[in-house]
Amino acid sequence: NSTLGTLSFGVVLFIGAVGAGLFKIPLNSWMQERSSSEELPRHLAYLNMIVFLIVLISSGLFAVAITTYDSFFVFKLINVICIGLALVMLFKNPSEFLRILIYLIAKWIYKMNINGTGNIPKDSGALIVANHLSFMDFILIVGAVPRQIRYVMFKGIYNIRGLKWLFKSLNMIPISPRNKNDLDEFNSLCQQQINQGHVVVIFAEGMITRNGHTHEFKRGLEHIGQGINAPIIPLHMDGVLGSPFTYLAGKTKAEKFQFKNLRKEVFVNIGSHLPPSATAFEVRQAVMELNAENLSNRIKDNQLIHHDFIKYSLTN
């Protein structure tokens, strides 16, 4: 049609495709997360059949509309519909969209080396216990764990007016560590999410390390383990120090976001299952074993430890 140039057609088509992708990809991810291995093929086949019917009906409507309106109007209408569907998906189920967005951010910020993803159960719940190196750890774990995960959040932030709906949609678990009743409620919420087949992540140190060392694990994870019928999975992150929002040894302020400290090579090692009865000490020992594995993976064959020490001393 002469009313729609090649460039205009390409732009309109691109916007419509992005809108359709932002609707369909999170929807497929949501279905995959909530369907068992036996149910998923049937659900996807049903969805594909619905999509085919909609495409067939849309083709007929397009043929009718093109006789009355020019092609530019028709494609603008398609864009509006696609973007509208994407917005519906975003507000109805923001967790999947944000998971995709955070995954892309993680891949942009870090050069990730991931080991042990096969230890993450595909269908059942689990409690992941990780070391805590930075304010960006949640992004790194989202990029490494191939499941939708639940995080812990300070209750004061969780209850912020205007944002609570978002945190609730993201299945954040609020915690107020100064109140025993709130801790009991927190343990119960974690156990409920895990027993329903979801993956919950906690940082058992209770704080971000200021010196790079893994501190003592709090025994709160044992209280969670007492009420779940799913494994505890240790996870260790290494190579993160020096990236944005980490504390280098001797520094009182976290590293700022700068382009020069992006794209650090980091290592994420996901360990084997531990029983829910495992103690905080046993879980920490498992994380430290993963630490040793990460260290051996991080240091090159021709690189000695004192080389890293000298390099660090000269630059800090």
Protein backbone atom coordinates (compact mmCIF):
# COMPACT_ATOMS: atom_id res chain seq x y z
CA ASN A 1 0.00 0.00 0.00
CA SER A 2 1.41 3.40 -0.96
CA THR A 3 0.21 4.92 2.33
CA LEU A 4 2.76 2.91 4.30
CA GLY A 5 6.44 3.27 3.42
CA THR A 6 9.07 0.60 4.01
CA LEU A 7 10.61 2.36 7.03
CA SER A 8 7.23 3.10 8.62
CA PHE A 9 6.13 -0.50 8.05
CA GLY A 10 9.31 -1.80 9.69
CA VAL A 11 8.89 0.44 12.75
CA VAL A 12 5.22 -0.44 13.19
CA LEU A 13 5.92 -4.14 12.72
CA PHE A 14 8.80 -4.02 15.25
CA ILE A 15 6.66 -2.33 17.92
CA GLY A 16 3.86 -4.84 17.39
CA ALA A 17 6.28 -7.78 17.59
CA VAL A 18 7.83 -6.46 20.82
CA GLY A 19 4.37 -6.03 22.35
CA ALA A 20 3.36 -9.55 21.33
CA GLY A 21 6.62 -10.98 22.70
CA LEU A 22 6.19 -9.20 26.03
CA PHE A 23 2.80 -10.88 26.30
CA LYS A 24 3.52 -14.39 25.04
CA ILE A 25 6.98 -15.09 26.50
CA PRO A 26 6.04 -14.30 30.14
CA LEU A 27 2.79 -16.26 29.63
CA ASN A 28 4.69 -19.33 28.41
CA SER A 29 7.15 -18.98 31.27
CA TRP A 30 4.30 -18.70 33.78
CA MET A 31 2.68 -21.86 32.39
CA GLN A 32 5.96 -23.77 32.43
CA GLU A 33 6.61 -22.77 36.05
CA ARG A 34 3.21 -24.00 37.22
CA SER A 35 2.78 -27.14 35.12
CA SER A 36 4.16 -30.56 35.91
CA SER A 37 6.27 -32.39 33.35
CA GLU A 38 3.23 -34.48 32.38
CA GLU A 39 0.83 -31.54 32.09
CA LEU A 40 3.09 -29.07 30.28
CA PRO A 41 2.88 -30.61 26.74
CA ARG A 42 -0.93 -30.62 26.92
CA HIS A 43 -1.06 -27.03 28.17
CA LEU A 44 1.33 -25.79 25.47
CA ALA A 45 -0.58 -27.69 22.77
CA TYR A 46 -3.83 -26.11 23.97
CA LEU A 47 -2.23 -22.65 23.96
CA ASN A 48 -0.86 -23.16 20.43
CA MET A 49 -4.32 -24.20 19.24
CA ILE A 50 -5.83 -21.03 20.72
CA VAL A 51 -3.09 -18.92 19.11
CA PHE A 52 -3.77 -20.56 15.73
CA LEU A 53 -7.50 -19.81 16.01
CA ILE A 54 -6.79 -16.18 16.93
CA VAL A 55 -4.40 -15.83 13.98
CA LEU A 56 -7.04 -17.31 11.67
CA ILE A 57 -9.75 -14.96 12.94
CA SER A 58 -7.37 -11.99 12.83
CA SER A 59 -6.52 -12.73 9.18
CA GLY A 60 -10.21 -12.54 8.31
CA LEU A 61 -10.66 -9.31 10.25
CA PHE A 62 -7.55 -7.87 8.55
CA ALA A 63 -8.97 -8.71 5.10
CA VAL A 64 -12.23 -6.94 5.97
CA ALA A 65 -10.56 -3.93 7.60
CA ILE A 66 -8.17 -3.32 4.70
CA THR A 67 -11.16 -2.71 2.38
CA THR A 68 -12.26 0.24 4.56
CA TYR A 69 -9.08 1.59 6.16
CA ASP A 70 -5.53 2.01 4.90
CA SER A 71 -2.81 -0.39 5.97
CA PHE A 72 -1.16 2.17 8.28
CA PHE A 73 -4.33 2.40 10.40
CA VAL A 74 -4.69 -1.39 10.52
CA PHE A 75 -1.11 -1.93 11.70
CA LYS A 76 -1.42 0.87 14.27
CA LEU A 77 -4.52 -0.90 15.59
CA ILE A 78 -2.55 -4.17 15.82
CA ASN A 79 0.18 -2.33 17.76
CA VAL A 80 -2.33 -0.91 20.22
CA ILE A 81 -3.79 -4.40 20.80
CA CYS A 82 -0.36 -6.02 21.27
CA ILE A 83 0.88 -3.32 23.64
CA GLY A 84 -2.40 -3.49 25.55
CA LEU A 85 -2.03 -7.24 26.01
CA ALA A 86 1.57 -6.76 27.15
CA LEU A 87 0.43 -4.21 29.77
CA VAL A 88 -2.28 -6.59 30.98
CA MET A 89 0.32 -9.33 31.42
CA LEU A 90 2.68 -6.90 33.18
CA PHE A 91 0.10 -5.84 35.78
CA LYS A 92 -1.54 -9.25 36.18
CA ASN A 93 1.70 -11.19 36.44
CA PRO A 94 4.71 -8.84 36.84
CA SER A 95 6.95 -11.56 38.29
CA GLU A 96 7.65 -13.31 34.99
CA PHE A 97 8.28 -10.05 33.09
CA LEU A 98 10.63 -8.78 35.80
CA ARG A 99 12.39 -12.15 35.93
CA ILE A 100 13.21 -11.85 32.22
CA LEU A 101 14.29 -8.22 32.65
CA ILE A 102 16.50 -8.99 35.68
CA TYR A 103 18.01 -11.97 33.85
CA LEU A 104 19.06 -9.66 30.98
CA ILE A 105 20.49 -7.13 33.46
CA ALA A 106 22.49 -9.90 35.17
CA LYS A 107 23.96 -10.99 31.85
CA TRP A 108 24.89 -7.38 31.11
CA ILE A 109 26.51 -6.64 34.49
CA TYR A 110 28.41 -9.92 34.96
CA LYS A 111 30.28 -12.50 32.93
CA MET A 112 28.69 -15.50 34.59
CA ASN A 113 30.13 -18.97 35.05
CA ILE A 114 27.40 -21.21 36.45
CA ASN A 115 27.85 -24.74 37.72
CA GLY A 116 25.31 -27.15 39.24
CA THR A 117 22.01 -25.90 37.78
CA GLY A 118 20.96 -29.56 37.57
CA ASN A 119 20.73 -29.55 41.37
CA ILE A 120 17.74 -27.19 41.23
CA PRO A 121 14.57 -29.35 41.32
CA LYS A 122 12.31 -28.83 38.32
CA ASP A 123 8.97 -29.35 40.03
CA SER A 124 9.32 -29.48 43.81
CA GLY A 125 10.15 -26.72 46.27
CA ALA A 126 13.55 -26.00 47.80
CA LEU A 127 15.33 -23.68 50.23
CA ILE A 128 18.42 -22.11 48.68
CA VAL A 129 20.94 -20.83 51.21
CA ALA A 130 23.58 -18.51 49.72
CA ASN A 131 26.50 -16.39 50.87
CA HIS A 132 25.93 -12.63 50.77
CA LEU A 133 28.45 -10.43 48.95
CA SER A 134 26.54 -7.44 47.59
CA PHE A 135 23.26 -5.61 47.23
CA MET A 136 23.10 -7.10 43.72
CA ASP A 137 23.17 -10.75 44.79
CA PHE A 138 19.50 -11.22 44.00
CA ILE A 139 20.16 -10.23 40.38
CA LEU A 140 23.04 -12.69 40.15
CA ILE A 141 20.94 -15.54 41.58
CA VAL A 142 18.05 -14.79 39.20
CA GLY A 143 20.54 -15.06 36.35
CA ALA A 144 21.85 -18.40 37.64
CA VAL A 145 18.76 -20.26 38.89
CA PRO A 146 16.39 -21.51 36.15
CA ARG A 147 13.28 -21.17 38.36
CA GLN A 148 11.04 -18.39 39.60
CA ILE A 149 12.29 -17.69 43.11
CA ARG A 150 10.96 -16.06 46.27
CA TYR A 151 13.07 -13.56 48.18
CA VAL A 152 13.00 -12.22 51.71
CA MET A 153 12.34 -8.49 52.14
CA PHE A 154 12.41 -6.16 55.14
CA LYS A 155 8.81 -5.62 56.21
CA GLY A 156 9.13 -1.82 56.35
CA ILE A 157 9.97 -1.75 52.63
CA TYR A 158 7.38 -4.41 51.80
CA ASN A 159 4.58 -2.26 53.29
CA ILE A 160 5.42 0.91 51.34
CA ARG A 161 2.15 2.31 50.03
CA GLY A 162 1.88 2.06 46.28
CA LEU A 163 4.54 -0.65 46.00
CA LYS A 164 3.07 -3.36 48.22
CA TRP A 165 0.96 -4.73 45.34
CA LEU A 166 4.15 -5.19 43.30
CA PHE A 167 6.09 -6.90 46.10
CA LYS A 168 3.09 -9.12 46.80
CA SER A 169 2.84 -10.03 43.10
CA LEU A 170 6.54 -10.90 43.15
CA ASN A 171 5.87 -13.23 46.11
CA MET A 172 8.34 -11.41 48.35
CA ILE A 173 8.38 -12.70 51.94
CA PRO A 174 8.36 -9.87 54.52
CA ILE A 175 10.43 -10.12 57.67
CA SER A 176 10.83 -7.98 60.79
CA PRO A 177 13.77 -9.49 62.73
CA ARG A 178 13.09 -7.53 65.94
CA ASN A 179 9.67 -9.05 66.56
CA LYS A 180 9.40 -12.74 67.58
CA ASN A 181 5.80 -13.01 66.36
CA ASP A 182 6.86 -11.67 62.97
CA LEU A 183 9.71 -14.20 62.85
CA ASP A 184 7.26 -17.03 63.49
CA GLU A 185 5.06 -15.67 60.71
CA PHE A 186 8.09 -15.38 58.43
CA ASN A 187 9.11 -19.00 59.08
CA SER A 188 5.55 -20.10 58.38
CA LEU A 189 5.41 -18.13 55.10
CA CYS A 190 8.72 -19.63 53.93
CA GLN A 191 7.57 -23.14 54.80
CA GLN A 192 4.25 -22.60 53.03
CA GLN A 193 5.91 -21.37 49.83
CA ILE A 194 8.41 -24.25 49.79
CA ASN A 195 5.79 -26.94 50.52
CA GLN A 196 3.67 -25.54 47.69
CA GLY A 197 6.53 -26.31 45.30
CA HIS A 198 8.31 -22.94 45.12
CA VAL A 199 11.98 -22.03 45.57
CA VAL A 200 12.86 -19.67 48.44
CA VAL A 201 16.26 -17.98 48.76
CA ILE A 202 17.71 -16.73 52.05
CA PHE A 203 21.07 -15.22 52.98
CA ALA A 204 21.75 -16.98 56.26
CA GLU A 205 24.57 -14.63 57.29
CA GLY A 206 21.98 -11.91 57.83
CA MET A 207 24.32 -9.22 56.45
CA ILE A 208 26.52 -8.36 53.50
CA THR A 209 30.15 -9.30 54.11
CA ARG A 210 32.52 -6.36 54.66
CA ASN A 211 35.71 -8.36 54.21
CA GLY A 212 34.92 -11.07 51.67
CA HIS A 213 34.69 -13.83 54.27
CA THR A 214 31.57 -15.97 54.78
CA HIS A 215 30.29 -15.27 58.29
CA GLU A 216 28.44 -17.55 60.67
CA PHE A 217 25.04 -18.74 59.44
CA LYS A 218 22.08 -17.84 61.63
CA ARG A 219 20.11 -20.72 63.06
CA GLY A 220 16.87 -19.32 61.67
CA LEU A 221 17.30 -21.57 58.64
CA GLU A 222 16.96 -24.56 60.98
CA HIS A 223 13.51 -23.34 62.07
CA ILE A 224 12.45 -23.15 58.42
CA GLY A 225 13.86 -26.62 57.74
CA GLN A 226 11.81 -28.15 60.55
CA GLY A 227 8.57 -27.51 58.67
CA ILE A 228 9.44 -28.40 55.06
CA ASN A 229 9.52 -31.61 53.06
CA ALA A 230 11.99 -30.32 50.46
CA PRO A 231 15.79 -30.13 50.22
CA ILE A 232 18.12 -27.37 51.32
CA ILE A 233 20.44 -26.33 48.49
CA PRO A 234 23.74 -24.53 49.24
CA LEU A 235 24.85 -21.87 46.76
CA HIS A 236 28.13 -19.98 46.65
CA MET A 237 28.99 -16.85 44.65
CA ASP A 238 32.61 -15.87 44.02
CA GLY A 239 34.43 -13.13 42.13
CA VAL A 240 31.71 -10.57 42.95
CA LEU A 241 33.87 -8.28 45.14
CA GLY A 242 34.78 -5.13 43.26
CA SER A 243 31.57 -5.13 41.22
CA PRO A 244 28.89 -2.48 41.96
CA PHE A 245 27.54 -2.29 45.53
CA THR A 246 30.09 -4.59 47.17
CA TYR A 247 32.36 -3.77 50.11
CA LEU A 248 36.08 -4.16 49.57
CA ALA A 249 38.19 -4.97 52.64
CA GLY A 250 38.96 -1.82 54.63
CA LYS A 251 36.27 0.24 52.87
CA THR A 252 33.28 1.64 54.78
CA LYS A 253 31.27 2.50 51.68
CA ALA A 254 30.03 0.18 48.98
CA GLU A 255 31.45 0.41 45.48
CA LYS A 256 29.45 2.77 43.29
CA PHE A 257 27.89 1.82 39.99
CA GLN A 258 30.54 2.55 37.38
CA PHE A 259 31.03 1.16 33.92
CA LYS A 260 34.64 0.26 34.74
CA ASN A 261 33.56 -2.27 37.39
CA LEU A 262 31.02 -4.01 35.16
CA ARG A 263 31.50 -7.30 33.32
CA LYS A 264 33.52 -8.92 36.09
CA GLU A 265 33.86 -12.66 35.73
CA VAL A 266 31.84 -14.25 38.53
CA PHE A 267 31.32 -17.87 39.54
CA VAL A 268 28.08 -19.33 40.86
CA ASN A 269 28.26 -22.88 42.21
CA ILE A 270 25.05 -24.67 43.18
CA GLY A 271 25.58 -27.62 45.48
CA SER A 272 23.93 -30.98 46.04
CA HIS A 273 20.79 -31.43 48.11
CA LEU A 274 20.99 -31.38 51.88
CA PRO A 275 18.20 -32.78 54.07
CA PRO A 276 15.82 -30.24 55.64
CA SER A 277 17.14 -31.36 59.04
CA ALA A 278 20.64 -30.03 58.24
CA THR A 279 22.03 -27.63 60.85
CA ALA A 280 23.22 -24.10 60.09
CA PHE A 281 26.81 -25.30 60.63
CA GLU A 282 26.40 -28.16 58.14
CA VAL A 283 24.89 -25.86 55.52
CA ARG A 284 27.73 -23.37 55.96
CA GLN A 285 30.26 -26.19 55.58
CA ALA A 286 28.60 -27.18 52.30
CA VAL A 287 28.76 -23.57 51.09
CA MET A 288 32.46 -23.39 52.03
CA GLU A 289 33.15 -26.56 50.04
CA LEU A 290 31.55 -24.84 47.05
CA ASN A 291 33.80 -21.87 47.82
CA ALA A 292 36.86 -24.11 47.43
CA GLU A 293 35.52 -25.40 44.10
CA ASN A 294 34.88 -21.86 42.89
CA LEU A 295 38.41 -20.85 43.87
CA SER A 296 39.91 -23.69 41.86
CA ASN A 297 37.76 -22.71 38.87
CA ARG A 298 38.63 -19.02 39.20
CA ILE A 299 42.41 -19.37 39.43
CA LYS A 300 44.03 -20.21 36.12
CA ASP A 301 46.48 -23.08 35.83
CA ASN A 302 49.42 -20.70 35.38
CA GLN A 303 48.33 -18.27 38.07
CA LEU A 304 49.56 -18.51 41.67
CA ILE A 305 47.72 -17.11 44.68
CA HIS A 306 50.49 -14.63 45.53
CA HIS A 307 50.05 -13.08 42.05
CA ASP A 308 46.48 -12.10 43.01
CA PHE A 309 47.68 -10.83 46.39
CA ILE A 310 50.30 -8.55 44.80
CA LYS A 311 47.84 -7.30 42.18
CA TYR A 312 45.25 -6.53 44.86
CA SER A 313 47.83 -4.77 47.07
CA LEU A 314 48.96 -2.51 44.22
CA THR A 315 45.45 -1.47 43.25
CA ASN A 316 43.97 -0.87 46.72
